[in-house]
Amino acid sequence: MILGLGTDIVENKRIARIFKRHGRHFLERIFTEEEIEYCLSHQDPVPYLAARFAVKEAAVKALNIRERIGLLYRDIEVAGRVYGKKKLRLNGRAGDIAENLGVKHHHLSLTHSDDLSVAVVIFES
């Protein structure tokens, strides 16, 4: 049974502006070290950062979170360094909320172009 569905679209230029302005502080506030390392390993890290940001937003929507009290963006992590299927890790408050909802399985799809990044997250019981 589907417990939650979330989707998000991000303009890559928005993430590029934030990254240029705040640099490492932005990265460490939003992304895990594994995500940062993966994204910065690419010649242009912006589309990879934007896609992961979209995943975090889509997961918040799928969890039906109305208030983010105690929830950190880093609690929602895209894991996997290999091209293709990525995994979603929910830690901290996000993991607690998912457990309380009865989430047993998740599905994640992310993609990006030069201009846009999109993510879809589905949670199942």
N, C-alpha and C. Protein backbone atom coordinates (compact mmCIF):
# COMPACT_ATOMS: atom_id res chain seq x y z
N MET A 1 0.83 -1.17 0.00
CA MET A 1 0.00 0.00 0.00
C MET A 1 0.89 1.25 0.00
N ILE A 2 0.54 2.21 -0.83
CA ILE A 2 1.30 3.46 -0.88
C ILE A 2 0.90 4.33 0.30
N LEU A 3 1.92 4.74 1.06
CA LEU A 3 1.71 5.60 2.21
C LEU A 3 1.99 7.06 1.90
N GLY A 4 2.83 7.29 0.91
CA GLY A 4 3.18 8.66 0.56
C GLY A 4 3.83 8.75 -0.79
N LEU A 5 3.55 9.85 -1.47
CA LEU A 5 4.13 10.14 -2.78
C LEU A 5 4.53 11.60 -2.78
N GLY A 6 5.77 11.87 -3.19
CA GLY A 6 6.23 13.25 -3.28
C GLY A 6 7.03 13.45 -4.54
N THR A 7 6.92 14.62 -5.11
CA THR A 7 7.71 14.99 -6.28
C THR A 7 8.19 16.42 -6.12
N ASP A 8 9.31 16.73 -6.73
CA ASP A 8 9.84 18.09 -6.66
C ASP A 8 10.66 18.37 -7.90
N ILE A 9 10.64 19.62 -8.31
CA ILE A 9 11.45 20.09 -9.44
C ILE A 9 12.23 21.32 -8.98
N VAL A 10 13.50 21.36 -9.34
CA VAL A 10 14.40 22.44 -8.90
C VAL A 10 15.08 23.04 -10.12
N GLU A 11 15.13 24.36 -10.16
CA GLU A 11 15.91 25.03 -11.20
C GLU A 11 17.38 24.99 -10.78
N ASN A 12 18.20 24.40 -11.60
CA ASN A 12 19.62 24.25 -11.27
C ASN A 12 20.31 25.59 -11.01
N LYS A 13 19.90 26.63 -11.74
CA LYS A 13 20.55 27.93 -11.56
C LYS A 13 20.30 28.48 -10.15
N ARG A 14 19.19 28.11 -9.54
CA ARG A 14 18.92 28.54 -8.16
C ARG A 14 19.94 27.92 -7.20
N ILE A 15 20.18 26.62 -7.37
CA ILE A 15 21.16 25.94 -6.53
C ILE A 15 22.56 26.48 -6.82
N ALA A 16 22.85 26.78 -8.08
CA ALA A 16 24.17 27.34 -8.44
C ALA A 16 24.40 28.67 -7.73
N ARG A 17 23.37 29.53 -7.69
CA ARG A 17 23.51 30.82 -7.01
C ARG A 17 23.78 30.64 -5.52
N ILE A 18 23.04 29.74 -4.89
CA ILE A 18 23.21 29.50 -3.45
C ILE A 18 24.60 28.92 -3.18
N PHE A 19 25.01 27.97 -4.00
CA PHE A 19 26.32 27.33 -3.83
C PHE A 19 27.44 28.36 -4.01
N LYS A 20 27.30 29.21 -5.02
CA LYS A 20 28.32 30.23 -5.26
C LYS A 20 28.39 31.22 -4.09
N ARG A 21 27.25 31.56 -3.55
CA ARG A 21 27.19 32.56 -2.47
C ARG A 21 27.65 32.01 -1.12
N HIS A 22 27.26 30.77 -0.80
CA HIS A 22 27.50 30.23 0.54
C HIS A 22 28.51 29.09 0.59
N GLY A 23 28.87 28.53 -0.55
CA GLY A 23 29.91 27.51 -0.63
C GLY A 23 29.73 26.34 0.30
N ARG A 24 30.79 26.01 1.00
CA ARG A 24 30.83 24.83 1.86
C ARG A 24 29.78 24.88 2.98
N HIS A 25 29.48 26.07 3.47
CA HIS A 25 28.46 26.21 4.52
C HIS A 25 27.11 25.68 4.02
N PHE A 26 26.73 26.05 2.81
CA PHE A 26 25.50 25.54 2.21
C PHE A 26 25.54 24.02 2.09
N LEU A 27 26.64 23.51 1.56
CA LEU A 27 26.75 22.06 1.37
C LEU A 27 26.59 21.31 2.70
N GLU A 28 27.28 21.74 3.73
CA GLU A 28 27.26 21.03 5.01
C GLU A 28 25.93 21.17 5.74
N ARG A 29 25.19 22.20 5.43
CA ARG A 29 23.88 22.39 6.07
C ARG A 29 22.82 21.49 5.45
N ILE A 30 22.95 21.20 4.16
CA ILE A 30 21.91 20.49 3.42
C ILE A 30 22.26 19.03 3.15
N PHE A 31 23.51 18.75 2.84
CA PHE A 31 23.91 17.44 2.34
C PHE A 31 24.81 16.69 3.31
N THR A 32 24.77 15.35 3.22
CA THR A 32 25.68 14.53 4.01
C THR A 32 27.06 14.56 3.36
N GLU A 33 28.06 14.12 4.08
CA GLU A 33 29.42 14.11 3.54
C GLU A 33 29.51 13.21 2.31
N GLU A 34 28.81 12.08 2.31
CA GLU A 34 28.82 11.18 1.14
C GLU A 34 28.21 11.88 -0.08
N GLU A 35 27.12 12.60 0.13
CA GLU A 35 26.50 13.33 -0.98
C GLU A 35 27.43 14.42 -1.50
N ILE A 36 28.04 15.15 -0.61
CA ILE A 36 28.96 16.23 -1.00
C ILE A 36 30.12 15.66 -1.82
N GLU A 37 30.72 14.61 -1.31
CA GLU A 37 31.85 13.99 -2.00
C GLU A 37 31.46 13.53 -3.40
N TYR A 38 30.31 12.88 -3.51
CA TYR A 38 29.84 12.40 -4.82
C TYR A 38 29.61 13.56 -5.79
N CYS A 39 28.89 14.58 -5.34
CA CYS A 39 28.56 15.70 -6.22
C CYS A 39 29.80 16.47 -6.65
N LEU A 40 30.72 16.71 -5.71
CA LEU A 40 31.92 17.48 -6.03
C LEU A 40 32.90 16.69 -6.89
N SER A 41 32.68 15.39 -7.04
CA SER A 41 33.55 14.59 -7.90
C SER A 41 33.25 14.81 -9.38
N HIS A 42 32.17 15.51 -9.68
CA HIS A 42 31.80 15.80 -11.07
C HIS A 42 32.31 17.18 -11.48
N GLN A 43 32.59 17.32 -12.75
CA GLN A 43 33.11 18.59 -13.26
C GLN A 43 32.14 19.74 -12.93
N ASP A 44 30.85 19.49 -13.11
CA ASP A 44 29.83 20.48 -12.73
C ASP A 44 28.95 19.83 -11.67
N PRO A 45 29.16 20.15 -10.41
CA PRO A 45 28.41 19.50 -9.34
C PRO A 45 26.97 19.99 -9.21
N VAL A 46 26.63 21.12 -9.81
CA VAL A 46 25.32 21.74 -9.58
C VAL A 46 24.14 20.84 -9.92
N PRO A 47 24.08 20.19 -11.09
CA PRO A 47 22.92 19.34 -11.37
C PRO A 47 22.78 18.18 -10.36
N TYR A 48 23.88 17.68 -9.89
CA TYR A 48 23.86 16.58 -8.92
C TYR A 48 23.38 17.07 -7.55
N LEU A 49 23.82 18.27 -7.17
CA LEU A 49 23.34 18.87 -5.92
C LEU A 49 21.85 19.17 -6.03
N ALA A 50 21.43 19.73 -7.15
CA ALA A 50 20.03 20.09 -7.33
C ALA A 50 19.13 18.86 -7.32
N ALA A 51 19.56 17.79 -7.94
CA ALA A 51 18.75 16.56 -7.94
C ALA A 51 18.60 16.02 -6.53
N ARG A 52 19.65 16.06 -5.74
CA ARG A 52 19.58 15.58 -4.36
C ARG A 52 18.72 16.51 -3.49
N PHE A 53 18.78 17.79 -3.78
CA PHE A 53 17.91 18.72 -3.07
C PHE A 53 16.45 18.41 -3.40
N ALA A 54 16.16 18.13 -4.66
CA ALA A 54 14.80 17.77 -5.07
C ALA A 54 14.33 16.50 -4.37
N VAL A 55 15.23 15.53 -4.18
CA VAL A 55 14.88 14.31 -3.47
C VAL A 55 14.47 14.64 -2.03
N LYS A 56 15.22 15.48 -1.39
CA LYS A 56 14.93 15.84 0.01
C LYS A 56 13.55 16.49 0.11
N GLU A 57 13.24 17.40 -0.82
CA GLU A 57 11.93 18.05 -0.83
C GLU A 57 10.82 17.05 -1.14
N ALA A 58 11.05 16.17 -2.10
CA ALA A 58 10.05 15.15 -2.45
C ALA A 58 9.79 14.21 -1.28
N ALA A 59 10.83 13.85 -0.55
CA ALA A 59 10.67 12.97 0.61
C ALA A 59 9.87 13.65 1.71
N VAL A 60 10.10 14.93 1.93
CA VAL A 60 9.32 15.68 2.92
C VAL A 60 7.84 15.65 2.54
N LYS A 61 7.56 15.83 1.26
CA LYS A 61 6.17 15.79 0.78
C LYS A 61 5.59 14.39 0.94
N ALA A 62 6.35 13.36 0.63
CA ALA A 62 5.86 11.99 0.75
C ALA A 62 5.61 11.61 2.20
N LEU A 63 6.38 12.17 3.11
CA LEU A 63 6.18 11.91 4.54
C LEU A 63 5.04 12.76 5.12
N ASN A 64 4.52 13.67 4.30
CA ASN A 64 3.41 14.54 4.69
C ASN A 64 3.76 15.39 5.91
N ILE A 65 4.97 15.91 5.90
CA ILE A 65 5.44 16.73 7.02
C ILE A 65 4.99 18.17 6.79
N ARG A 66 4.25 18.67 7.73
CA ARG A 66 3.76 20.05 7.61
C ARG A 66 4.70 21.03 8.31
N GLU A 67 5.35 20.55 9.35
CA GLU A 67 6.30 21.38 10.09
C GLU A 67 7.63 20.64 10.13
N ARG A 68 8.71 21.36 9.97
CA ARG A 68 10.03 20.73 9.92
C ARG A 68 10.76 20.82 11.25
N ILE A 69 10.05 20.96 12.31
CA ILE A 69 10.68 21.07 13.61
C ILE A 69 11.47 19.80 13.89
N GLY A 70 12.77 19.96 14.10
CA GLY A 70 13.62 18.82 14.41
C GLY A 70 14.09 18.03 13.20
N LEU A 71 13.63 18.40 12.01
CA LEU A 71 14.02 17.67 10.81
C LEU A 71 15.13 18.43 10.10
N LEU A 72 16.20 17.73 9.79
CA LEU A 72 17.31 18.32 9.05
C LEU A 72 17.32 17.76 7.63
N TYR A 73 17.69 18.59 6.68
CA TYR A 73 17.81 18.09 5.31
C TYR A 73 18.78 16.92 5.24
N ARG A 74 19.81 16.94 6.09
CA ARG A 74 20.79 15.85 6.09
C ARG A 74 20.18 14.53 6.58
N ASP A 75 19.02 14.59 7.23
CA ASP A 75 18.35 13.36 7.67
C ASP A 75 17.82 12.55 6.49
N ILE A 76 17.70 13.20 5.34
CA ILE A 76 17.24 12.54 4.11
C ILE A 76 18.44 12.50 3.17
N GLU A 77 18.89 11.29 2.86
CA GLU A 77 20.15 11.14 2.12
C GLU A 77 19.98 10.25 0.90
N VAL A 78 20.56 10.69 -0.21
CA VAL A 78 20.64 9.87 -1.41
C VAL A 78 21.96 9.12 -1.34
N ALA A 79 21.87 7.80 -1.29
CA ALA A 79 23.07 6.97 -1.18
C ALA A 79 23.30 6.25 -2.50
N GLY A 80 24.53 6.01 -2.79
CA GLY A 80 24.90 5.27 -4.00
C GLY A 80 25.81 6.10 -4.87
N ARG A 81 26.93 5.53 -5.22
CA ARG A 81 27.92 6.25 -6.00
C ARG A 81 27.95 5.79 -7.45
N VAL A 82 27.26 4.71 -7.74
CA VAL A 82 27.29 4.13 -9.07
C VAL A 82 26.17 4.73 -9.91
N TYR A 83 26.45 4.92 -11.21
CA TYR A 83 25.44 5.39 -12.13
C TYR A 83 24.23 4.46 -12.07
N GLY A 84 23.05 5.00 -12.05
CA GLY A 84 21.84 4.19 -12.02
C GLY A 84 21.11 4.31 -10.71
N LYS A 85 20.58 3.19 -10.23
CA LYS A 85 19.70 3.19 -9.07
C LYS A 85 20.37 3.73 -7.81
N LYS A 86 19.68 4.65 -7.19
CA LYS A 86 20.13 5.23 -5.93
C LYS A 86 19.22 4.73 -4.81
N LYS A 87 19.70 4.83 -3.61
CA LYS A 87 18.92 4.43 -2.43
C LYS A 87 18.65 5.65 -1.57
N LEU A 88 17.56 5.59 -0.86
CA LEU A 88 17.19 6.65 0.05
C LEU A 88 17.45 6.18 1.47
N ARG A 89 18.16 6.99 2.22
CA ARG A 89 18.39 6.71 3.64
C ARG A 89 17.67 7.77 4.45
N LEU A 90 16.89 7.33 5.41
CA LEU A 90 16.18 8.24 6.30
C LEU A 90 16.75 8.07 7.69
N ASN A 91 17.34 9.12 8.20
CA ASN A 91 17.98 9.10 9.51
C ASN A 91 17.27 10.09 10.43
N GLY A 92 17.61 10.05 11.69
CA GLY A 92 17.10 11.05 12.63
C GLY A 92 15.60 11.15 12.63
N ARG A 93 15.12 12.39 12.63
CA ARG A 93 13.67 12.65 12.70
C ARG A 93 12.94 12.09 11.48
N ALA A 94 13.52 12.17 10.30
CA ALA A 94 12.89 11.63 9.10
C ALA A 94 12.68 10.12 9.23
N GLY A 95 13.67 9.43 9.78
CA GLY A 95 13.54 7.99 10.00
C GLY A 95 12.46 7.67 11.01
N ASP A 96 12.37 8.48 12.06
CA ASP A 96 11.33 8.28 13.07
C ASP A 96 9.94 8.46 12.48
N ILE A 97 9.77 9.50 11.67
CA ILE A 97 8.47 9.76 11.06
C ILE A 97 8.09 8.63 10.11
N ALA A 98 9.04 8.17 9.31
CA ALA A 98 8.78 7.07 8.38
C ALA A 98 8.39 5.80 9.15
N GLU A 99 9.09 5.52 10.23
CA GLU A 99 8.78 4.34 11.03
C GLU A 99 7.38 4.45 11.63
N ASN A 100 7.01 5.62 12.13
CA ASN A 100 5.68 5.82 12.71
C ASN A 100 4.58 5.69 11.67
N LEU A 101 4.88 6.04 10.42
CA LEU A 101 3.91 5.88 9.34
C LEU A 101 3.79 4.44 8.88
N GLY A 102 4.77 3.62 9.24
CA GLY A 102 4.76 2.23 8.81
C GLY A 102 5.48 1.99 7.49
N VAL A 103 6.37 2.88 7.11
CA VAL A 103 7.11 2.73 5.85
C VAL A 103 8.04 1.52 5.94
N LYS A 104 7.89 0.62 4.99
CA LYS A 104 8.75 -0.56 4.90
C LYS A 104 9.60 -0.55 3.63
N HIS A 105 9.10 0.09 2.58
CA HIS A 105 9.80 0.13 1.29
C HIS A 105 9.72 1.54 0.73
N HIS A 106 10.71 1.87 -0.06
CA HIS A 106 10.67 3.16 -0.73
C HIS A 106 11.17 3.02 -2.17
N HIS A 107 10.74 3.95 -2.97
CA HIS A 107 11.17 4.02 -4.36
C HIS A 107 11.61 5.45 -4.62
N LEU A 108 12.67 5.58 -5.38
CA LEU A 108 13.27 6.88 -5.63
C LEU A 108 13.65 6.96 -7.10
N SER A 109 13.30 8.08 -7.71
CA SER A 109 13.74 8.36 -9.06
C SER A 109 14.19 9.81 -9.12
N LEU A 110 15.35 10.03 -9.70
CA LEU A 110 15.84 11.40 -9.85
C LEU A 110 16.48 11.54 -11.22
N THR A 111 16.39 12.75 -11.74
CA THR A 111 16.99 13.03 -13.04
C THR A 111 17.33 14.51 -13.11
N HIS A 112 18.20 14.85 -14.03
CA HIS A 112 18.53 16.27 -14.21
C HIS A 112 18.93 16.53 -15.65
N SER A 113 18.71 17.76 -16.06
CA SER A 113 19.17 18.25 -17.36
C SER A 113 20.06 19.45 -17.08
N ASP A 114 20.38 20.21 -18.10
CA ASP A 114 21.19 21.40 -17.88
C ASP A 114 20.46 22.43 -17.01
N ASP A 115 19.13 22.46 -17.13
CA ASP A 115 18.36 23.51 -16.47
C ASP A 115 17.58 23.05 -15.23
N LEU A 116 17.10 21.82 -15.24
CA LEU A 116 16.18 21.36 -14.19
C LEU A 116 16.60 20.02 -13.59
N SER A 117 16.21 19.84 -12.34
CA SER A 117 16.39 18.56 -11.66
C SER A 117 15.04 18.16 -11.07
N VAL A 118 14.72 16.86 -11.17
CA VAL A 118 13.41 16.37 -10.74
C VAL A 118 13.61 15.11 -9.92
N ALA A 119 12.75 14.95 -8.90
CA ALA A 119 12.78 13.74 -8.07
C ALA A 119 11.37 13.31 -7.73
N VAL A 120 11.20 11.99 -7.61
CA VAL A 120 9.95 11.38 -7.15
C VAL A 120 10.31 10.38 -6.06
N VAL A 121 9.56 10.42 -4.97
CA VAL A 121 9.76 9.49 -3.86
C VAL A 121 8.41 8.86 -3.53
N ILE A 122 8.40 7.54 -3.38
CA ILE A 122 7.20 6.80 -2.99
C ILE A 122 7.54 5.97 -1.76
N PHE A 123 6.67 6.03 -0.76
CA PHE A 123 6.81 5.20 0.44
C PHE A 123 5.68 4.19 0.48
N GLU A 124 6.02 2.94 0.80
CA GLU A 124 5.04 1.85 0.90
C GLU A 124 5.10 1.18 2.25
N SER A 125 3.96 0.60 2.61
CA SER A 125 3.91 -0.17 3.86
C SER A 125 4.39 -1.58 3.60
